Amino acid sequence: MMPLIMASPGEEVEIRKVGGSEETRHFLNNMGFTEGAKCSVISSINGNIIINIRDSRVALDSNIAKKIMV
């Protein structure tokens, strides 16, 4: 497993675990970041990443992306 922030652009990965506080996990869950979901990194700029998940594009900062294990 590795943090989502380390995935390469264009690489499709599967979410294995979502960490962080209860509030953070709930926030990510509402955006579709659940265990078993497939996502791919579209781009990574200055530590912030844009993710394609469940037919949506989501921008995450590096602190949040580090809590998502793939």
N, C-alpha and C. Protein backbone atom coordinates (compact mmCIF):
# COMPACT_ATOMS: atom_id res chain seq x y z
N MET A 1 0.85 -1.19 0.00
CA MET A 1 0.00 0.00 0.00
C MET A 1 0.89 1.24 0.00
N MET A 2 0.35 2.30 -0.58
CA MET A 2 1.03 3.59 -0.60
C MET A 2 -0.01 4.70 -0.54
N PRO A 3 0.39 5.91 -0.12
CA PRO A 3 -0.56 7.02 -0.13
C PRO A 3 -0.92 7.42 -1.56
N LEU A 4 -2.12 7.89 -1.76
CA LEU A 4 -2.60 8.31 -3.08
C LEU A 4 -1.70 9.36 -3.70
N ILE A 5 -1.09 10.19 -2.87
CA ILE A 5 -0.22 11.27 -3.36
C ILE A 5 0.96 10.72 -4.16
N MET A 6 1.33 9.45 -3.95
CA MET A 6 2.47 8.85 -4.64
C MET A 6 2.10 8.18 -5.96
N ALA A 7 0.82 8.10 -6.29
CA ALA A 7 0.40 7.49 -7.55
C ALA A 7 0.80 8.40 -8.71
N SER A 8 1.18 7.79 -9.82
CA SER A 8 1.60 8.55 -11.00
C SER A 8 0.39 9.00 -11.81
N PRO A 9 0.50 10.15 -12.47
CA PRO A 9 -0.60 10.59 -13.34
C PRO A 9 -0.92 9.54 -14.40
N GLY A 10 -2.20 9.29 -14.58
CA GLY A 10 -2.66 8.28 -15.54
C GLY A 10 -2.78 6.89 -14.96
N GLU A 11 -2.23 6.66 -13.80
CA GLU A 11 -2.26 5.34 -13.16
C GLU A 11 -3.61 5.12 -12.48
N GLU A 12 -4.26 3.99 -12.77
CA GLU A 12 -5.51 3.66 -12.08
C GLU A 12 -5.18 2.84 -10.85
N VAL A 13 -5.73 3.23 -9.72
CA VAL A 13 -5.47 2.56 -8.45
C VAL A 13 -6.79 2.26 -7.75
N GLU A 14 -6.73 1.35 -6.80
CA GLU A 14 -7.89 0.99 -5.99
C GLU A 14 -7.67 1.47 -4.56
N ILE A 15 -8.66 2.10 -3.99
CA ILE A 15 -8.56 2.60 -2.63
C ILE A 15 -8.64 1.42 -1.67
N ARG A 16 -7.66 1.31 -0.80
CA ARG A 16 -7.60 0.22 0.17
C ARG A 16 -8.05 0.65 1.56
N LYS A 17 -7.71 1.90 1.93
CA LYS A 17 -8.04 2.37 3.28
C LYS A 17 -8.11 3.89 3.26
N VAL A 18 -9.05 4.44 4.01
CA VAL A 18 -9.17 5.89 4.17
C VAL A 18 -8.93 6.19 5.65
N GLY A 19 -7.91 6.97 5.92
CA GLY A 19 -7.55 7.29 7.30
C GLY A 19 -7.96 8.69 7.68
N GLY A 20 -7.44 9.14 8.81
CA GLY A 20 -7.72 10.48 9.30
C GLY A 20 -8.80 10.48 10.37
N SER A 21 -9.22 11.66 10.73
CA SER A 21 -10.25 11.80 11.77
C SER A 21 -11.60 11.34 11.21
N GLU A 22 -12.55 11.17 12.09
CA GLU A 22 -13.90 10.77 11.69
C GLU A 22 -14.48 11.77 10.69
N GLU A 23 -14.26 13.04 10.95
CA GLU A 23 -14.77 14.09 10.06
C GLU A 23 -14.12 14.00 8.67
N THR A 24 -12.82 13.75 8.62
CA THR A 24 -12.12 13.62 7.34
C THR A 24 -12.61 12.41 6.57
N ARG A 25 -12.75 11.27 7.25
CA ARG A 25 -13.22 10.05 6.59
C ARG A 25 -14.64 10.24 6.04
N HIS A 26 -15.49 10.91 6.81
CA HIS A 26 -16.86 11.17 6.37
C HIS A 26 -16.87 12.09 5.14
N PHE A 27 -16.05 13.12 5.16
CA PHE A 27 -15.93 14.04 4.03
C PHE A 27 -15.48 13.31 2.77
N LEU A 28 -14.45 12.47 2.88
CA LEU A 28 -13.94 11.73 1.72
C LEU A 28 -14.95 10.69 1.25
N ASN A 29 -15.64 10.05 2.19
CA ASN A 29 -16.65 9.06 1.84
C ASN A 29 -17.77 9.71 1.01
N ASN A 30 -18.18 10.90 1.38
CA ASN A 30 -19.23 11.61 0.65
C ASN A 30 -18.81 11.97 -0.77
N MET A 31 -17.50 12.10 -1.00
CA MET A 31 -16.99 12.42 -2.34
C MET A 31 -16.73 11.16 -3.16
N GLY A 32 -16.95 9.98 -2.58
CA GLY A 32 -16.77 8.73 -3.32
C GLY A 32 -15.51 7.97 -2.99
N PHE A 33 -14.70 8.48 -2.07
CA PHE A 33 -13.46 7.80 -1.69
C PHE A 33 -13.77 6.72 -0.66
N THR A 34 -14.19 5.55 -1.15
CA THR A 34 -14.53 4.43 -0.28
C THR A 34 -13.62 3.26 -0.63
N GLU A 35 -13.44 2.34 0.30
CA GLU A 35 -12.60 1.17 0.06
C GLU A 35 -13.13 0.39 -1.13
N GLY A 36 -12.23 0.02 -2.03
CA GLY A 36 -12.59 -0.74 -3.21
C GLY A 36 -12.88 0.12 -4.43
N ALA A 37 -13.05 1.42 -4.25
CA ALA A 37 -13.33 2.31 -5.38
C ALA A 37 -12.08 2.48 -6.22
N LYS A 38 -12.25 2.54 -7.53
CA LYS A 38 -11.14 2.76 -8.45
C LYS A 38 -11.07 4.24 -8.77
N CYS A 39 -9.84 4.76 -8.83
CA CYS A 39 -9.65 6.16 -9.19
C CYS A 39 -8.34 6.29 -9.96
N SER A 40 -8.16 7.41 -10.61
CA SER A 40 -6.91 7.66 -11.31
C SER A 40 -6.50 9.11 -11.11
N VAL A 41 -5.20 9.32 -11.07
CA VAL A 41 -4.64 10.66 -10.91
C VAL A 41 -4.60 11.31 -12.28
N ILE A 42 -5.19 12.48 -12.39
CA ILE A 42 -5.17 13.22 -13.65
C ILE A 42 -3.93 14.10 -13.71
N SER A 43 -3.67 14.84 -12.63
CA SER A 43 -2.46 15.67 -12.59
C SER A 43 -2.06 15.94 -11.14
N SER A 44 -0.81 16.33 -11.00
CA SER A 44 -0.27 16.66 -9.69
C SER A 44 0.56 17.94 -9.83
N ILE A 45 0.14 19.00 -9.13
CA ILE A 45 0.83 20.28 -9.22
C ILE A 45 1.08 20.81 -7.82
N ASN A 46 2.34 21.04 -7.49
CA ASN A 46 2.73 21.59 -6.18
C ASN A 46 2.15 20.81 -5.02
N GLY A 47 2.07 19.49 -5.14
CA GLY A 47 1.57 18.65 -4.05
C GLY A 47 0.06 18.49 -4.04
N ASN A 48 -0.65 19.27 -4.82
CA ASN A 48 -2.10 19.12 -4.94
C ASN A 48 -2.39 18.23 -6.13
N ILE A 49 -3.40 17.38 -6.01
CA ILE A 49 -3.68 16.45 -7.09
C ILE A 49 -5.14 16.53 -7.53
N ILE A 50 -5.35 16.23 -8.79
CA ILE A 50 -6.70 16.15 -9.34
C ILE A 50 -6.95 14.67 -9.64
N ILE A 51 -8.04 14.15 -9.10
CA ILE A 51 -8.37 12.74 -9.17
C ILE A 51 -9.65 12.55 -9.97
N ASN A 52 -9.69 11.52 -10.77
CA ASN A 52 -10.92 11.10 -11.44
C ASN A 52 -11.46 9.91 -10.65
N ILE A 53 -12.63 10.09 -10.03
CA ILE A 53 -13.24 9.01 -9.25
C ILE A 53 -14.74 9.02 -9.49
N ARG A 54 -15.28 7.86 -9.79
CA ARG A 54 -16.72 7.69 -10.02
C ARG A 54 -17.28 8.74 -11.00
N ASP A 55 -16.62 8.89 -12.12
CA ASP A 55 -17.03 9.82 -13.18
C ASP A 55 -17.05 11.29 -12.74
N SER A 56 -16.25 11.63 -11.73
CA SER A 56 -16.14 13.01 -11.27
C SER A 56 -14.66 13.36 -11.11
N ARG A 57 -14.36 14.63 -11.23
CA ARG A 57 -13.01 15.11 -10.98
C ARG A 57 -13.00 15.85 -9.65
N VAL A 58 -12.03 15.50 -8.81
CA VAL A 58 -11.94 16.07 -7.48
C VAL A 58 -10.52 16.54 -7.25
N ALA A 59 -10.36 17.74 -6.72
CA ALA A 59 -9.04 18.27 -6.37
C ALA A 59 -8.83 18.07 -4.87
N LEU A 60 -7.66 17.54 -4.51
CA LEU A 60 -7.32 17.32 -3.11
C LEU A 60 -5.96 17.93 -2.81
N ASP A 61 -5.80 18.48 -1.60
CA ASP A 61 -4.47 18.93 -1.24
C ASP A 61 -3.66 17.74 -0.72
N SER A 62 -2.38 17.92 -0.62
CA SER A 62 -1.50 16.80 -0.28
C SER A 62 -1.78 16.22 1.10
N ASN A 63 -2.20 17.05 2.07
CA ASN A 63 -2.48 16.53 3.42
C ASN A 63 -3.63 15.55 3.41
N ILE A 64 -4.65 15.80 2.62
CA ILE A 64 -5.79 14.89 2.52
C ILE A 64 -5.40 13.65 1.71
N ALA A 65 -4.69 13.86 0.61
CA ALA A 65 -4.31 12.75 -0.26
C ALA A 65 -3.40 11.74 0.44
N LYS A 66 -2.66 12.19 1.43
CA LYS A 66 -1.78 11.30 2.20
C LYS A 66 -2.59 10.36 3.09
N LYS A 67 -3.82 10.69 3.39
CA LYS A 67 -4.67 9.85 4.26
C LYS A 67 -5.38 8.73 3.49
N ILE A 68 -5.30 8.78 2.16
CA ILE A 68 -5.96 7.76 1.32
C ILE A 68 -4.89 6.78 0.87
N MET A 69 -5.03 5.52 1.29
CA MET A 69 -4.07 4.48 0.93
C MET A 69 -4.60 3.67 -0.25
N VAL A 70 -3.72 3.45 -1.22
CA VAL A 70 -4.09 2.69 -2.42
C VAL A 70 -3.18 1.50 -2.59
